[in-house]
Protein backbone atom coordinates (compact mmCIF):
# COMPACT_ATOMS: atom_id res chain seq x y z
CA MET A 1 0.00 0.00 0.00
CA LYS A 2 1.36 3.40 -0.98
CA PRO A 3 1.03 5.98 1.82
CA ASP A 4 -1.16 9.00 1.20
CA ASP A 5 0.57 12.34 0.66
CA PHE A 6 -0.07 13.95 4.02
CA SER A 7 0.23 17.70 4.54
CA PRO A 8 -0.03 18.93 8.14
CA ALA A 9 -0.89 22.42 6.93
CA ASN A 10 -3.72 21.11 4.74
CA HIS A 11 -4.95 18.91 7.60
CA GLN A 12 -5.22 21.89 9.94
CA ARG A 13 -6.90 24.00 7.27
CA ASP A 14 -9.40 21.25 6.45
CA ILE A 15 -10.44 20.91 10.10
CA TYR A 16 -11.30 24.62 10.21
CA LEU A 17 -13.06 24.57 6.83
CA ARG A 18 -15.18 21.59 7.83
CA GLY A 19 -16.01 23.38 11.06
CA PHE A 20 -17.10 26.45 9.08
CA ALA A 21 -19.53 24.14 7.26
CA GLY A 22 -20.81 22.81 10.58
CA HIS A 23 -18.86 19.55 10.77
CA LEU A 24 -16.85 18.97 13.95
CA PRO A 25 -14.13 16.30 14.14
CA ARG A 26 -15.61 12.85 14.74
CA VAL A 27 -12.47 11.88 16.65
CA PRO A 28 -11.83 14.44 19.42
CA ILE A 29 -8.55 16.28 19.05
CA GLU A 30 -8.19 17.35 22.68
CA TRP A 31 -6.73 14.48 24.70
CA ARG A 32 -9.21 14.38 27.59
CA ALA A 33 -12.16 14.50 25.21
CA LEU A 34 -10.67 11.63 23.18
CA GLU A 35 -10.14 9.61 26.35
CA ASP A 36 -13.71 10.24 27.55
CA LYS A 37 -15.25 9.31 24.20
CA ALA A 38 -13.13 6.17 24.01
CA LYS A 39 -14.25 5.14 27.49
CA ASP A 40 -17.87 5.56 26.46
CA SER A 41 -17.17 3.34 23.42
CA MET A 42 -15.65 0.46 25.41
CA THR A 43 -16.95 -2.16 27.78
CA PRO A 44 -15.82 -1.76 31.41
CA GLU A 45 -13.52 -4.76 30.93
CA ALA A 46 -11.88 -3.28 27.85
CA TRP A 47 -11.46 0.13 29.51
CA ALA A 48 -9.83 -1.41 32.59
CA TYR A 49 -7.45 -3.44 30.45
CA ILE A 50 -6.40 -0.58 28.15
CA ALA A 51 -6.43 2.43 30.46
CA GLY A 52 -5.34 0.78 33.69
CA GLY A 53 -1.89 0.52 35.23
CA ALA A 54 -0.18 -1.31 38.06
CA GLY A 55 -0.83 -0.64 41.73
CA LEU A 56 -1.76 2.97 42.50
CA GLU A 57 -1.01 3.82 38.86
CA SER A 58 1.70 6.23 39.95
CA THR A 59 3.87 5.19 37.00
CA VAL A 60 1.06 6.02 34.58
CA ALA A 61 0.86 9.46 36.20
CA ALA A 62 4.65 9.94 36.24
CA ASN A 63 4.85 9.26 32.51
CA ARG A 64 2.73 12.39 32.03
CA GLN A 65 3.97 14.53 34.92
CA ASP A 66 7.60 14.25 33.88
CA PHE A 67 6.74 15.26 30.33
CA GLU A 68 4.95 18.30 31.76
CA SER A 69 8.04 19.31 33.76
CA LEU A 70 9.94 19.82 30.50
CA LYS A 71 9.38 23.11 28.71
CA ILE A 72 10.14 24.00 25.09
CA VAL A 73 12.04 27.26 24.55
CA PRO A 74 10.99 28.67 21.15
CA ARG A 75 13.43 30.74 19.10
CA MET A 76 12.32 33.64 16.93
CA LEU A 77 13.03 35.10 13.48
CA ARG A 78 14.22 31.87 11.93
CA ASP A 79 13.05 30.89 8.48
CA THR A 80 10.93 27.78 9.04
CA SER A 81 9.08 27.84 5.74
CA GLN A 82 10.68 24.56 4.60
CA ARG A 83 10.22 22.17 7.50
CA ASP A 84 11.07 18.49 7.16
CA THR A 85 9.77 16.05 9.80
CA SER A 86 11.30 12.97 8.17
CA THR A 87 13.83 10.78 9.92
CA SER A 88 15.83 7.63 9.21
CA LEU A 89 15.32 4.52 11.29
CA LEU A 90 17.00 1.16 10.65
CA GLY A 91 17.77 2.18 7.08
CA ARG A 92 14.26 3.36 6.23
CA THR A 93 13.10 6.96 5.86
CA LEU A 94 9.93 7.77 7.79
CA ALA A 95 7.72 10.79 7.20
CA SER A 96 7.62 11.42 10.94
CA PRO A 97 9.51 9.96 13.94
CA LEU A 98 6.44 8.01 15.02
CA LEU A 99 5.63 4.30 15.40
CA LEU A 100 2.64 2.35 16.70
CA ALA A 101 3.57 0.36 19.79
CA PRO A 102 2.27 -3.19 20.18
CA VAL A 103 -1.04 -3.36 22.03
CA GLY A 104 -2.71 -6.71 22.53
CA VAL A 105 -6.32 -7.93 22.63
CA LEU A 106 -7.64 -5.19 20.35
CA GLU A 107 -10.75 -7.27 19.67
CA MET A 108 -11.96 -5.89 23.01
CA VAL A 109 -11.93 -2.42 21.46
CA HIS A 110 -13.13 -2.91 17.87
CA PRO A 111 -14.20 -5.96 15.84
CA GLU A 112 -11.58 -5.32 13.12
CA ALA A 113 -8.89 -5.10 15.79
CA ASP A 114 -5.34 -5.25 14.41
CA LEU A 115 -6.57 -5.11 10.81
CA ALA A 116 -8.03 -1.64 11.30
CA VAL A 117 -4.82 -0.40 12.91
CA ALA A 118 -2.76 -1.87 10.08
CA ARG A 119 -4.82 -0.14 7.41
CA ALA A 120 -4.48 3.23 9.13
CA ALA A 121 -0.74 2.81 9.67
CA ALA A 122 -0.19 1.79 6.07
CA SER A 123 -2.20 4.75 4.77
CA LEU A 124 0.36 7.09 6.35
CA GLY A 125 3.50 4.96 6.17
CA VAL A 126 3.75 4.78 9.97
CA PRO A 127 5.50 1.60 11.16
CA TYR A 128 3.23 -0.78 13.08
CA ILE A 129 4.76 -3.11 15.66
CA PHE A 130 2.59 -6.23 15.55
CA SER A 131 1.64 -7.43 19.01
CA ASN A 132 2.60 -10.89 20.22
CA GLN A 133 -0.85 -10.86 21.86
CA ALA A 134 -2.72 -9.83 18.71
CA SER A 135 -6.34 -10.64 17.96
CA ARG A 136 -5.51 -11.50 14.35
CA PRO A 137 -2.58 -13.60 13.05
CA MET A 138 0.35 -11.62 11.71
CA GLU A 139 -0.19 -13.08 8.23
CA GLU A 140 -3.67 -11.53 7.99
CA VAL A 141 -2.47 -8.17 9.27
CA ALA A 142 0.54 -8.00 6.98
CA ALA A 143 -1.68 -8.82 3.99
CA VAL A 144 -3.53 -5.48 4.27
CA MET A 145 -0.35 -3.39 4.58
CA GLY A 146 1.34 -3.90 1.22
CA ASP A 147 4.99 -2.93 1.65
CA SER A 148 4.31 -0.49 4.48
CA PRO A 149 6.77 -0.90 7.36
CA ARG A 150 5.99 -3.34 10.18
CA TRP A 151 7.92 -4.90 13.01
CA PHE A 152 7.07 -7.78 15.35
CA GLN A 153 6.97 -7.71 19.13
CA LEU A 154 8.10 -10.91 20.82
CA TYR A 155 7.16 -12.15 24.26
CA TRP A 156 9.72 -14.83 25.02
CA SER A 157 7.71 -17.86 26.11
CA LYS A 158 8.93 -20.98 27.90
CA SER A 159 9.22 -22.73 24.51
CA ASN A 160 12.22 -21.78 22.39
CA ASP A 161 10.68 -23.71 19.51
CA LEU A 162 7.70 -21.38 19.65
CA VAL A 163 9.97 -18.33 19.86
CA ALA A 164 11.79 -19.49 16.74
CA SER A 165 8.51 -20.14 14.92
CA PHE A 166 7.15 -16.67 15.72
CA VAL A 167 10.35 -15.04 14.47
CA GLN A 168 10.40 -17.09 11.27
CA ARG A 169 6.77 -16.19 10.56
CA ALA A 170 7.54 -12.52 11.19
CA GLU A 171 10.32 -12.67 8.63
CA ARG A 172 8.05 -14.32 6.08
CA VAL A 173 5.39 -11.62 6.38
CA GLY A 174 7.89 -8.84 5.84
CA CYS A 175 8.54 -7.60 9.35
CA GLN A 176 11.70 -5.51 9.38
CA ALA A 177 12.69 -5.86 13.05
CA ILE A 178 12.04 -7.95 16.15
CA VAL A 179 11.19 -6.09 19.37
CA VAL A 180 11.68 -8.25 22.45
CA THR A 181 9.58 -7.08 25.40
CA LEU A 182 11.60 -7.73 28.54
CA ASP A 183 9.44 -6.33 31.32
CA THR A 184 6.61 -8.88 31.34
CA THR A 185 8.19 -12.02 32.73
CA HIS A 186 5.19 -11.87 35.07
CA LEU A 187 1.94 -9.95 34.80
CA GLY A 188 2.02 -6.77 36.86
CA TRP A 189 -0.35 -6.18 39.78
CA ARG A 190 -2.98 -4.48 37.60
CA THR A 191 -5.53 -3.28 40.08
CA ARG A 192 -8.33 -2.37 37.66
CA ASP A 193 -8.25 -5.81 36.05
CA LEU A 194 -7.98 -7.52 39.42
CA SER A 195 -10.87 -5.53 40.87
CA ILE A 196 -13.22 -6.94 38.25
CA ALA A 197 -11.35 -10.28 38.22
CA TYR A 198 -11.03 -10.24 34.45
CA LEU A 199 -8.24 -11.52 32.19
CA PRO A 200 -9.14 -11.63 28.48
CA PHE A 201 -6.76 -14.47 27.67
CA LEU A 202 -8.94 -16.86 29.67
CA GLU A 203 -11.66 -16.25 27.09
CA GLY A 204 -9.24 -17.11 24.30
CA LYS A 205 -8.81 -13.47 23.31
CA GLY A 206 -5.46 -12.03 22.28
CA ILE A 207 -3.85 -15.38 21.45
CA ALA A 208 -4.26 -15.42 17.66
CA GLN A 209 -0.49 -15.57 17.07
CA TYR A 210 -0.47 -18.78 19.10
CA THR A 211 -3.51 -20.61 17.73
CA SER A 212 -2.32 -19.88 14.18
CA ASP A 213 1.14 -21.30 14.85
CA PRO A 214 2.03 -24.92 13.94
CA VAL A 215 4.46 -25.27 16.83
CA PHE A 216 1.86 -24.09 19.32
CA GLN A 217 -0.69 -26.51 17.87
CA ARG A 218 1.82 -29.29 18.51
CA LEU A 219 2.50 -28.04 22.03
CA MET A 220 -1.23 -28.12 22.76
CA ASP A 221 -1.08 -31.92 22.63
CA GLU A 222 1.58 -32.03 25.35
CA PRO A 223 0.56 -32.25 29.02
CA SER A 224 -0.04 -28.95 30.80
CA PRO A 225 -0.47 -28.22 34.51
CA PRO A 226 -4.15 -28.79 35.39
CA MET A 227 -6.29 -25.68 35.66
CA ALA A 228 -8.52 -25.10 38.67
CA ARG A 229 -12.09 -26.32 38.16
CA PRO A 230 -14.45 -23.68 39.52
CA ARG A 231 -18.08 -24.56 40.07
CA VAL A 232 -20.35 -24.16 37.06
CA THR A 233 -21.99 -20.73 36.92
CA ALA A 234 -23.67 -18.62 34.24
CA SER A 235 -20.50 -16.52 34.07
CA LEU A 236 -18.36 -19.63 33.58
CA LEU A 237 -20.58 -20.87 30.75
CA SER A 238 -20.50 -17.43 29.14
CA GLY A 239 -16.71 -17.45 29.28
CA LEU A 240 -16.58 -20.91 27.74
CA ILE A 241 -18.78 -19.78 24.87
CA LYS A 242 -16.49 -16.79 24.25
CA MET A 243 -13.45 -19.06 24.39
CA VAL A 244 -14.87 -21.42 21.78
CA ASN A 245 -15.97 -18.55 19.53
CA ALA A 246 -12.51 -16.97 19.72
CA TYR A 247 -10.82 -20.15 18.53
CA PRO A 248 -10.20 -20.27 14.75
CA GLY A 249 -12.41 -22.41 12.55
CA SER A 250 -16.12 -22.91 12.01
CA GLY A 251 -18.72 -24.95 13.83
CA PHE A 252 -19.22 -24.12 17.49
CA LEU A 253 -20.14 -27.65 18.60
CA LYS A 254 -17.32 -29.14 16.55
CA LYS A 255 -14.78 -26.87 18.22
CA LEU A 256 -16.28 -27.46 21.65
CA LYS A 257 -16.18 -31.24 21.31
CA SER A 258 -12.60 -31.16 20.04
CA GLY A 259 -11.43 -29.54 23.25
CA ARG A 260 -8.92 -27.45 21.27
CA PRO A 261 -10.16 -24.06 22.51
CA GLN A 262 -9.76 -25.14 26.12
CA LYS A 263 -6.36 -26.70 25.41
CA ALA A 264 -5.20 -23.51 23.70
CA VAL A 265 -5.99 -21.35 26.71
CA GLN A 266 -4.49 -23.90 29.08
CA LYS A 267 -1.26 -24.19 27.11
CA PHE A 268 -0.99 -20.44 26.62
CA THR A 269 -1.33 -19.68 30.32
CA SER A 270 1.32 -22.28 31.15
CA ILE A 271 4.01 -21.06 28.70
CA TYR A 272 3.16 -17.37 28.08
CA SER A 273 6.15 -15.81 29.84
CA ASN A 274 9.60 -16.96 30.87
CA PRO A 275 10.87 -15.51 34.17
CA ALA A 276 14.12 -17.46 33.80
CA LEU A 277 15.23 -15.40 30.77
CA THR A 278 18.73 -13.86 30.98
CA TRP A 279 21.11 -11.92 28.76
CA LYS A 280 22.68 -15.20 27.63
CA ASP A 281 19.45 -16.23 25.94
CA LEU A 282 19.75 -13.44 23.39
CA ALA A 283 22.33 -15.50 21.51
CA PHE A 284 19.59 -18.01 20.68
CA LEU A 285 17.44 -15.28 19.15
CA ARG A 286 20.32 -13.98 17.07
CA GLN A 287 20.76 -17.48 15.66
CA GLN A 288 17.12 -17.48 14.50
CA THR A 289 17.10 -14.26 12.50
CA ARG A 290 19.15 -11.71 10.62
CA LEU A 291 16.60 -9.00 11.31
CA PRO A 292 17.52 -6.14 13.65
CA ILE A 293 16.71 -6.94 17.27
CA LEU A 294 15.53 -4.24 19.66
CA LEU A 295 15.00 -4.62 23.41
CA LYS A 296 11.86 -3.02 24.86
CA GLY A 297 11.62 -2.23 28.55
CA ILE A 298 15.10 -0.79 29.14
CA LEU A 299 15.06 1.85 31.92
CA HIS A 300 18.60 1.70 33.35
CA PRO A 301 21.69 2.96 31.48
CA ASP A 302 23.67 -0.09 32.58
CA ASP A 303 21.12 -2.33 30.86
CA ALA A 304 21.52 -0.19 27.75
CA ALA A 305 25.26 -0.82 27.93
CA LEU A 306 24.67 -4.56 28.30
CA ALA A 307 22.40 -4.46 25.27
CA LEU A 308 25.22 -2.95 23.23
CA ASP A 309 27.64 -5.56 24.58
CA HIS A 310 25.26 -8.27 23.30
CA GLY A 311 25.05 -6.81 19.81
CA ILE A 312 21.51 -5.49 20.08
CA ASP A 313 20.42 -3.19 17.24
CA GLY A 314 18.16 -0.81 19.14
CA ILE A 315 16.55 0.06 22.47
CA VAL A 316 12.99 0.97 23.39
CA VAL A 317 12.83 2.93 26.63
CA SER A 318 9.55 1.74 28.12
CA ASN A 319 7.83 0.95 31.41
CA HIS A 320 4.94 -0.82 29.64
CA GLY A 321 2.70 2.21 29.94
CA GLY A 322 2.87 1.94 33.74
CA ARG A 323 1.24 -1.49 33.66
CA GLN A 324 4.04 -3.50 35.29
CA VAL A 325 5.87 -1.76 38.15
CA ASP A 326 4.01 0.82 40.21
CA GLY A 327 6.42 3.59 41.22
CA SER A 328 8.79 2.92 38.32
CA ILE A 329 10.84 5.70 36.80
CA SER A 330 9.04 7.41 33.93
CA THR A 331 10.20 6.83 30.39
CA ILE A 332 11.09 10.46 29.71
CA ALA A 333 13.08 10.65 32.98
CA ALA A 334 15.00 7.48 32.07
CA LEU A 335 15.70 8.58 28.49
CA PRO A 336 18.60 11.08 28.85
CA ALA A 337 20.97 8.73 30.71
CA ILE A 338 20.23 5.89 28.32
CA ALA A 339 20.71 8.09 25.26
CA ALA A 340 24.02 9.28 26.69
CA LYS A 341 25.16 5.73 27.34
CA VAL A 342 24.21 4.59 23.83
CA ASN A 343 25.79 7.71 22.32
CA GLY A 344 24.24 7.23 18.90
CA LYS A 345 25.51 3.67 18.37
CA VAL A 346 21.97 2.30 17.91
CA PRO A 347 18.51 3.89 17.71
CA VAL A 348 16.81 4.72 20.99
CA LEU A 349 13.00 4.83 20.92
CA LEU A 350 10.74 6.12 23.67
CA ASP A 351 7.42 4.44 24.47
CA GLY A 352 5.23 5.78 27.24
CA GLY A 353 3.38 8.98 28.03
CA VAL A 354 3.38 10.52 24.54
CA ARG A 355 0.07 12.29 24.02
CA GLY A 356 0.87 14.99 21.47
CA GLY A 357 3.33 16.43 19.00
CA ALA A 358 4.96 18.55 21.70
CA ASP A 359 5.76 15.35 23.62
CA MET A 360 7.36 13.94 20.48
CA PHE A 361 9.51 17.07 20.26
CA LYS A 362 10.59 16.80 23.91
CA ALA A 363 11.54 13.13 23.56
CA LEU A 364 13.68 13.82 20.50
CA ALA A 365 15.33 16.73 22.31
CA LEU A 366 16.43 14.35 25.06
CA GLY A 367 17.95 11.83 22.67
CA ALA A 368 15.17 9.66 21.25
CA THR A 369 15.40 8.66 17.60
CA ALA A 370 11.62 8.24 17.42
CA VAL A 371 8.64 7.68 19.71
CA CYS A 372 5.95 5.01 19.99
CA ILE A 373 2.33 5.56 20.96
CA GLY A 374 -0.10 3.02 22.37
CA ARG A 375 -3.21 4.24 24.19
CA PRO A 376 -3.80 7.23 21.85
CA TYR A 377 -4.27 5.09 18.75
CA VAL A 378 -6.29 2.50 20.68
CA TYR A 379 -8.66 5.27 21.75
CA GLY A 380 -8.94 6.32 18.11
CA LEU A 381 -9.72 2.71 17.23
CA ALA A 382 -12.47 2.58 19.84
CA VAL A 383 -14.06 5.79 18.60
CA GLY A 384 -13.77 5.33 14.84
CA GLY A 385 -12.08 2.11 13.73
CA ALA A 386 -9.40 2.51 11.07
CA ASP A 387 -10.51 6.07 10.35
CA GLY A 388 -10.21 6.88 14.04
CA VAL A 389 -6.67 5.55 14.21
CA GLY A 390 -5.80 7.54 11.10
CA GLU A 391 -7.16 10.75 12.60
CA VAL A 392 -5.14 10.30 15.79
CA LEU A 393 -1.99 9.76 13.73
CA ARG A 394 -2.64 12.78 11.51
CA ASN A 395 -3.25 14.98 14.53
CA LEU A 396 -0.01 13.87 16.19
CA MET A 397 2.02 14.31 13.02
CA ALA A 398 0.50 17.74 12.38
CA GLU A 399 1.09 18.98 15.92
CA PHE A 400 4.71 17.83 15.73
CA TYR A 401 5.13 19.71 12.45
CA PHE A 402 3.70 22.93 13.88
CA THR A 403 5.64 22.57 17.15
CA MET A 404 8.89 22.33 15.19
CA GLY A 405 8.13 25.46 13.19
CA LEU A 406 6.98 27.52 16.15
CA ALA A 407 10.10 26.49 18.08
CA GLY A 408 12.27 27.73 15.21
CA ILE A 409 13.29 24.25 14.03
CA ASN A 410 13.41 23.02 10.42
CA ARG A 411 14.76 19.48 10.69
CA VAL A 412 14.50 16.65 13.18
CA ASP A 413 18.26 16.59 13.75
CA GLU A 414 18.08 20.21 14.93
CA ILE A 415 15.93 19.20 17.92
CA THR A 416 18.51 19.10 20.73
CA ARG A 417 18.57 19.50 24.48
CA ASP A 418 19.16 23.23 24.00
CA THR A 419 15.52 23.54 22.88
CA LEU A 420 14.27 22.56 26.35
CA ALA A 421 14.25 24.03 29.84
CA ARG A 422 12.99 22.59 33.10
């Protein structure tokens, strides 16, 4: 798919012209309004899963508060009539330093799930990092993107055979990098999910990469630790129906009698994460692929140095959107020391807390090569499907363009620490 020619100036003008004709934006532009409309569009379970964080959610708050403590210092009387927001990342030129972070279980938000996100990303040439916990197999999602850039996020399970299979499939569907998420060796203490006692994976949601994988299908026939057998209730029967419906294939009774949906959930929950993972295991991944490997979840400069020592091709500074460790350092606070340690040897991406183009500017000023967004595009998906995601992306890209110009900046490489004050 060839990306549309996107003009931030035309986008801003069109919003005002449509407003003059009485048409307000379907997807709210102001962040709080977008968040509120998305909440109204979701079930309570989906809202808790997407919006919630760990513990008291202090990390979620810190991701925003620490962005707010940084202030842009605009410079005047500079010719900014020829701005260029493009940047180079892993050998590919992007129209804007923006990527879509992996977010799982999007079927909770919109029936088209990952497919809608993929179409929107491809329409603008924004790289989409496929989630390991996607609602649609990577093959289906890649098929709607043409040659638009995509990466694959890997959760390292207890099965190295499955890890290798996921990576090989990602290569076959044209993914250009592997992003290993390191910070989810266990689920965090996610209080909103726990308060309603809801985990979507138990309904067979968010495991499409697994059920579509031949290695996982083989693993399903191996013994798994027995699951607890709660007493039969209406809620239990409802969950079983959802589990069977989520499993690929046709014929509800046929799938139910086969026992495959139940086996899939049981196997997934037993191998999903690998708390025994260490730096030494990265050698195995390097043997499986020649694609660039990035590590997501780095927050300490010493871990960034270890990543370089192990030949890693990029770093994603991330605290999982505040969903894993309550009280963790924010991503923007962690970024400067990591960028200094890396010193330009590999790309450094920031994921967490970005809500607008000004945030993108601040992250680049502190050493990020590009930024990733998660909740913003999911809220767009909830409000308007693929069109909603596209609107969120256009708004972010446009605000970044105007922020650059009003700060007296023409090119991305001119955004340095000197443009900020605390």
